[in-house]
């Protein structure tokens, strides 16, 4: 099953133009890493502050969305911007379904999944409050609702992080060891461990891995 992610930077208008451009450049670097490590993945930044991602295996979608959120959160602390942006980083909508056409060269994403994730992102952007949505095209509503609640709870954990905690968890999700993280961030390894513990790293990691191990094909038949 393919997943798409539609996302946008929360209150991006509160950013100075130079800061938005710096954030976009960093996001493009993160996306490039995903494209290198995940066969068939590709993403694009549209309208200046929004992203659309094609994820060939839906199991990767939650980790990718959380990494995008963490990246923006850990960088937003250095900008003079909205507290909403610093707390939430991005809004995102994950949709599982099918695509009629997706080609990076042609810069086209077309099909039910991207329509669904885009429509749901527009909905939460208008209403406010919710920062994440999970939905499935053509599958049982009860299953979509269950996974939507699951993703929302994971998102709430991440929203509670400080920028320093977000940075530690970001690198841990990318697979870095604590010593490597301490060298990257210029802090003691004990500080890395403390920030990870206070951020409930073990719980978050377990939740994301549980999502990655959930077999939608089997459940949906």
C-alpha atoms as a PDB file:
ATOM      1  CA  UNK A   1       0.000   0.000   0.000  1.00  0.00           C
ATOM      2  CA  UNK A   2       1.249   3.445  -0.958  1.00  0.00           C
ATOM      3  CA  UNK A   3       1.046   6.407   1.403  1.00  0.00           C
ATOM      4  CA  UNK A   4       1.157  10.111   0.686  1.00  0.00           C
ATOM      5  CA  UNK A   5       1.989  12.836   3.162  1.00  0.00           C
ATOM      6  CA  UNK A   6       0.683  16.370   2.784  1.00  0.00           C
ATOM      7  CA  UNK A   7       2.176  18.831   5.256  1.00  0.00           C
ATOM      8  CA  UNK A   8       2.683  22.514   5.851  1.00  0.00           C
ATOM      9  CA  UNK A   9       4.741  24.666   8.183  1.00  0.00           C
ATOM     10  CA  UNK A  10       2.565  26.055  10.978  1.00  0.00           C
ATOM     11  CA  UNK A  11       2.267  29.864  10.904  1.00  0.00           C
ATOM     12  CA  UNK A  12       4.979  30.147   8.268  1.00  0.00           C
ATOM     13  CA  UNK A  13       3.976  33.774   7.686  1.00  0.00           C
ATOM     14  CA  UNK A  14       5.560  34.605  11.049  1.00  0.00           C
ATOM     15  CA  UNK A  15       8.986  33.767   9.601  1.00  0.00           C
ATOM     16  CA  UNK A  16      11.319  36.280   8.037  1.00  0.00           C
ATOM     17  CA  UNK A  17      11.918  35.505   4.361  1.00  0.00           C
ATOM     18  CA  UNK A  18      15.559  34.585   5.005  1.00  0.00           C
ATOM     19  CA  UNK A  19      14.537  32.185   7.785  1.00  0.00           C
ATOM     20  CA  UNK A  20      11.897  30.526   5.598  1.00  0.00           C
ATOM     21  CA  UNK A  21      14.449  30.057   2.825  1.00  0.00           C
ATOM     22  CA  UNK A  22      16.914  28.549   5.317  1.00  0.00           C
ATOM     23  CA  UNK A  23      14.235  26.179   6.600  1.00  0.00           C
ATOM     24  CA  UNK A  24      13.284  25.170   3.047  1.00  0.00           C
ATOM     25  CA  UNK A  25      16.924  24.452   2.234  1.00  0.00           C
ATOM     26  CA  UNK A  26      17.220  22.223   5.302  1.00  0.00           C
ATOM     27  CA  UNK A  27      14.004  20.391   4.445  1.00  0.00           C
ATOM     28  CA  UNK A  28      15.259  19.802   0.910  1.00  0.00           C
ATOM     29  CA  UNK A  29      18.381  18.227   2.386  1.00  0.00           C
ATOM     30  CA  UNK A  30      16.295  15.962   4.629  1.00  0.00           C
ATOM     31  CA  UNK A  31      14.102  14.987   1.668  1.00  0.00           C
ATOM     32  CA  UNK A  32      17.208  14.200  -0.350  1.00  0.00           C
ATOM     33  CA  UNK A  33      18.302  11.800   2.381  1.00  0.00           C
ATOM     34  CA  UNK A  34      14.922  10.066   2.294  1.00  0.00           C
ATOM     35  CA  UNK A  35      15.121   9.746  -1.493  1.00  0.00           C
ATOM     36  CA  UNK A  36      18.561   8.186  -1.178  1.00  0.00           C
ATOM     37  CA  UNK A  37      17.601   5.690   1.543  1.00  0.00           C
ATOM     38  CA  UNK A  38      14.013   4.786   0.562  1.00  0.00           C
ATOM     39  CA  UNK A  39      13.606   3.394  -2.973  1.00  0.00           C
ATOM     40  CA  UNK A  40      10.766   5.087  -4.823  1.00  0.00           C
ATOM     41  CA  UNK A  41      10.281   7.879  -2.282  1.00  0.00           C
ATOM     42  CA  UNK A  42      10.075  11.414  -3.551  1.00  0.00           C
ATOM     43  CA  UNK A  43       8.761  14.718  -2.306  1.00  0.00           C
ATOM     44  CA  UNK A  44       8.361  18.296  -3.376  1.00  0.00           C
ATOM     45  CA  UNK A  45       7.958  21.639  -1.643  1.00  0.00           C
ATOM     46  CA  UNK A  46       5.006  23.603  -3.018  1.00  0.00           C
ATOM     47  CA  UNK A  47       3.577  27.060  -2.332  1.00  0.00           C
ATOM     48  CA  UNK A  48       6.669  27.975  -0.372  1.00  0.00           C
ATOM     49  CA  UNK A  49       5.726  26.305   2.907  1.00  0.00           C
ATOM     50  CA  UNK A  50       3.978  23.032   1.998  1.00  0.00           C
ATOM     51  CA  UNK A  51       5.220  19.528   1.210  1.00  0.00           C
ATOM     52  CA  UNK A  52       3.823  16.585  -0.717  1.00  0.00           C
ATOM     53  CA  UNK A  53       5.489  13.187  -0.317  1.00  0.00           C
ATOM     54  CA  UNK A  54       5.032   9.843  -2.048  1.00  0.00           C
ATOM     55  CA  UNK A  55       5.912   6.930   0.260  1.00  0.00           C
ATOM     56  CA  UNK A  56       5.981   3.574  -1.583  1.00  0.00           C
ATOM     57  CA  UNK A  57       5.539   1.598   1.654  1.00  0.00           C
ATOM     58  CA  UNK A  58       2.964   3.096   4.030  1.00  0.00           C
ATOM     59  CA  UNK A  59       4.918   1.683   6.992  1.00  0.00           C
ATOM     60  CA  UNK A  60       7.569   4.388   6.484  1.00  0.00           C
ATOM     61  CA  UNK A  61       5.079   7.262   6.500  1.00  0.00           C
ATOM     62  CA  UNK A  62       4.771   7.963  10.231  1.00  0.00           C
ATOM     63  CA  UNK A  63       8.540   7.999  10.824  1.00  0.00           C
ATOM     64  CA  UNK A  64       8.998  10.384   7.877  1.00  0.00           C
ATOM     65  CA  UNK A  65       6.227  12.719   9.077  1.00  0.00           C
ATOM     66  CA  UNK A  66       7.636  12.810  12.612  1.00  0.00           C
ATOM     67  CA  UNK A  67      11.152  13.501  11.312  1.00  0.00           C
ATOM     68  CA  UNK A  68       9.808  16.421   9.275  1.00  0.00           C
ATOM     69  CA  UNK A  69       8.039  17.771  12.367  1.00  0.00           C
ATOM     70  CA  UNK A  70      11.121  17.363  14.565  1.00  0.00           C
ATOM     71  CA  UNK A  71      13.365  19.043  12.001  1.00  0.00           C
ATOM     72  CA  UNK A  72      11.182  22.145  11.868  1.00  0.00           C
ATOM     73  CA  UNK A  73      10.712  22.237  15.657  1.00  0.00           C
ATOM     74  CA  UNK A  74      14.426  22.023  16.438  1.00  0.00           C
ATOM     75  CA  UNK A  75      15.270  24.776  13.940  1.00  0.00           C
ATOM     76  CA  UNK A  76      12.360  27.115  14.654  1.00  0.00           C
ATOM     77  CA  UNK A  77      13.742  27.876  18.134  1.00  0.00           C
ATOM     78  CA  UNK A  78      16.496  29.966  16.537  1.00  0.00           C
ATOM     79  CA  UNK A  79      13.998  32.098  14.593  1.00  0.00           C
ATOM     80  CA  UNK A  80      11.910  35.047  15.726  1.00  0.00           C
ATOM     81  CA  UNK A  81       8.585  33.427  14.893  1.00  0.00           C
ATOM     82  CA  UNK A  82       5.200  32.317  16.214  1.00  0.00           C
ATOM     83  CA  UNK A  83       5.089  30.163  19.352  1.00  0.00           C
ATOM     84  CA  UNK A  84       2.664  27.922  17.466  1.00  0.00           C
ATOM     85  CA  UNK A  85       5.372  27.232  14.885  1.00  0.00           C
ATOM     86  CA  UNK A  86       7.954  26.546  17.588  1.00  0.00           C
ATOM     87  CA  UNK A  87       5.605  24.131  19.380  1.00  0.00           C
ATOM     88  CA  UNK A  88       4.150  22.229  16.439  1.00  0.00           C
ATOM     89  CA  UNK A  89       6.592  22.655  13.552  1.00  0.00           C
ATOM     90  CA  UNK A  90       4.322  21.200  10.888  1.00  0.00           C
ATOM     91  CA  UNK A  91       0.797  19.941  10.399  1.00  0.00           C
ATOM     92  CA  UNK A  92       0.587  16.717   8.437  1.00  0.00           C
ATOM     93  CA  UNK A  93      -1.931  14.386   6.866  1.00  0.00           C
ATOM     94  CA  UNK A  94      -1.078  10.792   5.939  1.00  0.00           C
ATOM     95  CA  UNK A  95      -3.275   8.939   3.468  1.00  0.00           C
ATOM     96  CA  UNK A  96      -3.011   5.295   2.454  1.00  0.00           C
ATOM     97  CA  UNK A  97      -4.429   4.297  -0.894  1.00  0.00           C
ATOM     98  CA  UNK A  98      -3.473   4.266  -4.550  1.00  0.00           C
ATOM     99  CA  UNK A  99      -1.987   6.672  -7.068  1.00  0.00           C
ATOM    100  CA  UNK A 100      -2.788   6.873 -10.757  1.00  0.00           C
ATOM    101  CA  UNK A 101       0.473   8.602 -11.597  1.00  0.00           C
ATOM    102  CA  UNK A 102       3.515   9.808  -9.672  1.00  0.00           C
ATOM    103  CA  UNK A 103       6.661  10.931 -11.424  1.00  0.00           C
ATOM    104  CA  UNK A 104       9.386  13.169 -10.043  1.00  0.00           C
ATOM    105  CA  UNK A 105      10.690  14.092 -13.493  1.00  0.00           C
ATOM    106  CA  UNK A 106       7.255  15.305 -14.618  1.00  0.00           C
ATOM    107  CA  UNK A 107       6.564  16.771 -11.144  1.00  0.00           C
ATOM    108  CA  UNK A 108       3.130  15.141 -11.061  1.00  0.00           C
ATOM    109  CA  UNK A 109       1.341  13.339  -8.229  1.00  0.00           C
ATOM    110  CA  UNK A 110      -2.159  12.238  -9.158  1.00  0.00           C
ATOM    111  CA  UNK A 111      -4.615   9.824  -7.585  1.00  0.00           C
ATOM    112  CA  UNK A 112      -6.887   9.060  -4.606  1.00  0.00           C
ATOM    113  CA  UNK A 113      -4.174   9.038  -1.926  1.00  0.00           C
ATOM    114  CA  UNK A 114      -2.817  12.520  -2.652  1.00  0.00           C
ATOM    115  CA  UNK A 115      -6.349  13.912  -3.005  1.00  0.00           C
ATOM    116  CA  UNK A 116      -7.230  12.459   0.395  1.00  0.00           C
ATOM    117  CA  UNK A 117      -4.130  13.664   2.245  1.00  0.00           C
ATOM    118  CA  UNK A 118      -4.403  17.108   0.663  1.00  0.00           C
ATOM    119  CA  UNK A 119      -8.100  17.458   1.448  1.00  0.00           C
ATOM    120  CA  UNK A 120      -7.583  16.375   5.052  1.00  0.00           C
ATOM    121  CA  UNK A 121      -4.676  18.789   5.509  1.00  0.00           C
ATOM    122  CA  UNK A 122      -6.831  21.641   4.208  1.00  0.00           C
ATOM    123  CA  UNK A 123      -9.537  20.617   6.671  1.00  0.00           C
ATOM    124  CA  UNK A 124      -7.304  20.646   9.753  1.00  0.00           C
ATOM    125  CA  UNK A 125      -5.686  23.897   8.574  1.00  0.00           C
ATOM    126  CA  UNK A 126      -9.110  25.578   8.459  1.00  0.00           C
ATOM    127  CA  UNK A 127     -10.329  24.225  11.795  1.00  0.00           C
ATOM    128  CA  UNK A 128      -7.114  24.478  13.808  1.00  0.00           C
ATOM    129  CA  UNK A 129      -6.429  22.426  16.926  1.00  0.00           C
ATOM    130  CA  UNK A 130      -5.574  19.135  15.205  1.00  0.00           C
ATOM    131  CA  UNK A 131      -2.048  18.814  13.882  1.00  0.00           C
ATOM    132  CA  UNK A 132      -2.177  15.361  12.301  1.00  0.00           C
ATOM    133  CA  UNK A 133      -4.615  13.153  10.412  1.00  0.00           C
ATOM    134  CA  UNK A 134      -4.426   9.568   9.185  1.00  0.00           C
ATOM    135  CA  UNK A 135      -6.939   8.251   6.650  1.00  0.00           C
ATOM    136  CA  UNK A 136      -7.345   5.301   4.281  1.00  0.00           C
ATOM    137  CA  UNK A 137      -9.029   5.365   0.907  1.00  0.00           C
ATOM    138  CA  UNK A 138     -11.800   2.812   0.488  1.00  0.00           C
ATOM    139  CA  UNK A 139     -11.100   0.898   3.706  1.00  0.00           C
ATOM    140  CA  UNK A 140     -13.195   0.370   6.862  1.00  0.00           C
ATOM    141  CA  UNK A 141     -13.940   3.645   8.662  1.00  0.00           C
ATOM    142  CA  UNK A 142     -13.359   2.025  12.050  1.00  0.00           C
ATOM    143  CA  UNK A 143      -9.774   1.096  11.107  1.00  0.00           C
ATOM    144  CA  UNK A 144      -9.049   4.601   9.815  1.00  0.00           C
ATOM    145  CA  UNK A 145     -10.411   6.106  13.023  1.00  0.00           C
ATOM    146  CA  UNK A 146      -8.302   3.804  15.193  1.00  0.00           C
ATOM    147  CA  UNK A 147      -5.076   4.594  13.341  1.00  0.00           C
ATOM    148  CA  UNK A 148      -5.960   8.288  13.198  1.00  0.00           C
ATOM    149  CA  UNK A 149      -6.177   8.347  17.009  1.00  0.00           C
ATOM    150  CA  UNK A 150      -2.894   6.440  17.242  1.00  0.00           C
ATOM    151  CA  UNK A 151      -1.066   8.916  14.997  1.00  0.00           C
ATOM    152  CA  UNK A 152      -2.603  11.877  16.865  1.00  0.00           C
ATOM    153  CA  UNK A 153      -1.302  10.558  20.199  1.00  0.00           C
ATOM    154  CA  UNK A 154       2.207  10.111  18.768  1.00  0.00           C
ATOM    155  CA  UNK A 155       2.020  13.639  17.379  1.00  0.00           C
ATOM    156  CA  UNK A 156       0.966  15.011  20.788  1.00  0.00           C
ATOM    157  CA  UNK A 157       4.067  13.481  22.405  1.00  0.00           C
ATOM    158  CA  UNK A 158       6.310  15.189  19.859  1.00  0.00           C
ATOM    159  CA  UNK A 159       4.488  18.520  20.227  1.00  0.00           C
ATOM    160  CA  UNK A 160       5.420  18.539  23.917  1.00  0.00           C
ATOM    161  CA  UNK A 161       9.162  18.502  23.163  1.00  0.00           C
ATOM    162  CA  UNK A 162      11.464  21.433  23.666  1.00  0.00           C
ATOM    163  CA  UNK A 163      13.723  22.288  20.732  1.00  0.00           C
ATOM    164  CA  UNK A 164      16.633  20.594  22.517  1.00  0.00           C
ATOM    165  CA  UNK A 165      14.647  17.399  23.063  1.00  0.00           C
ATOM    166  CA  UNK A 166      13.444  17.508  19.442  1.00  0.00           C
ATOM    167  CA  UNK A 167      17.034  17.647  18.196  1.00  0.00           C
ATOM    168  CA  UNK A 168      18.074  14.604  20.227  1.00  0.00           C
ATOM    169  CA  UNK A 169      15.057  12.540  19.182  1.00  0.00           C
ATOM    170  CA  UNK A 170      15.503  13.619  15.554  1.00  0.00           C
ATOM    171  CA  UNK A 171      19.002  12.172  15.407  1.00  0.00           C
ATOM    172  CA  UNK A 172      18.015   9.052  17.338  1.00  0.00           C
ATOM    173  CA  UNK A 173      15.225   8.379  14.812  1.00  0.00           C
ATOM    174  CA  UNK A 174      17.818   8.726  12.059  1.00  0.00           C
ATOM    175  CA  UNK A 175      19.836   5.980  13.745  1.00  0.00           C
ATOM    176  CA  UNK A 176      22.638   7.980  15.358  1.00  0.00           C
ATOM    177  CA  UNK A 177      24.203   6.704  18.593  1.00  0.00           C
ATOM    178  CA  UNK A 178      24.226   8.908  21.690  1.00  0.00           C
ATOM    179  CA  UNK A 179      27.960   9.623  21.407  1.00  0.00           C
ATOM    180  CA  UNK A 180      27.501  10.713  17.788  1.00  0.00           C
ATOM    181  CA  UNK A 181      24.601  12.951  18.801  1.00  0.00           C
ATOM    182  CA  UNK A 182      26.626  14.536  21.595  1.00  0.00           C
ATOM    183  CA  UNK A 183      29.381  15.368  19.102  1.00  0.00           C
ATOM    184  CA  UNK A 184      26.904  16.817  16.598  1.00  0.00           C
ATOM    185  CA  UNK A 185      25.115  18.961  19.181  1.00  0.00           C
ATOM    186  CA  UNK A 186      28.204  19.867  21.190  1.00  0.00           C
ATOM    187  CA  UNK A 187      26.840  18.563  24.496  1.00  0.00           C
ATOM    188  CA  UNK A 188      27.762  15.819  26.953  1.00  0.00           C
ATOM    189  CA  UNK A 189      26.552  12.304  26.225  1.00  0.00           C
ATOM    190  CA  UNK A 190      24.829  12.331  29.623  1.00  0.00           C
ATOM    191  CA  UNK A 191      22.821  15.368  28.454  1.00  0.00           C
ATOM    192  CA  UNK A 192      21.772  13.462  25.328  1.00  0.00           C
ATOM    193  CA  UNK A 193      20.578  10.588  27.484  1.00  0.00           C
ATOM    194  CA  UNK A 194      18.708  12.894  29.870  1.00  0.00           C
ATOM    195  CA  UNK A 195      16.935  14.752  27.051  1.00  0.00           C
ATOM    196  CA  UNK A 196      15.972  11.458  25.400  1.00  0.00           C
ATOM    197  CA  UNK A 197      14.609  10.132  28.694  1.00  0.00           C
ATOM    198  CA  UNK A 198      12.590  13.294  29.380  1.00  0.00           C
ATOM    199  CA  UNK A 199      11.235  13.133  25.816  1.00  0.00           C
ATOM    200  CA  UNK A 200       9.957   9.562  26.428  1.00  0.00           C
ATOM    201  CA  UNK A 201      12.185   8.336  23.617  1.00  0.00           C
ATOM    202  CA  UNK A 202      11.613   4.657  24.405  1.00  0.00           C
ATOM    203  CA  UNK A 203       7.821   5.092  24.209  1.00  0.00           C
ATOM    204  CA  UNK A 204       7.952   7.116  20.989  1.00  0.00           C
ATOM    205  CA  UNK A 205      10.333   4.676  19.317  1.00  0.00           C
ATOM    206  CA  UNK A 206       8.146   1.746  20.335  1.00  0.00           C
ATOM    207  CA  UNK A 207       5.032   3.480  18.979  1.00  0.00           C
ATOM    208  CA  UNK A 208       6.641   4.201  15.601  1.00  0.00           C
ATOM    209  CA  UNK A 209       7.989   0.654  15.327  1.00  0.00           C
ATOM    210  CA  UNK A 210       4.540  -0.744  16.176  1.00  0.00           C
ATOM    211  CA  UNK A 211       3.105   1.314  13.310  1.00  0.00           C
ATOM    212  CA  UNK A 212       5.817  -0.004  10.989  1.00  0.00           C
ATOM    213  CA  UNK A 213       4.953  -3.574  11.956  1.00  0.00           C
ATOM    214  CA  UNK A 214       1.196  -3.146  11.495  1.00  0.00           C
ATOM    215  CA  UNK A 215       0.067  -5.203   8.498  1.00  0.00           C
ATOM    216  CA  UNK A 216      -2.697  -3.246   6.778  1.00  0.00           C
ATOM    217  CA  UNK A 217      -2.747  -5.623   3.826  1.00  0.00           C
ATOM    218  CA  UNK A 218      -3.609  -8.519   6.132  1.00  0.00           C
ATOM    219  CA  UNK A 219      -6.207  -6.566   8.089  1.00  0.00           C
ATOM    220  CA  UNK A 220      -7.868  -5.175   4.963  1.00  0.00           C
ATOM    221  CA  UNK A 221      -7.681  -8.470   3.094  1.00  0.00           C
END
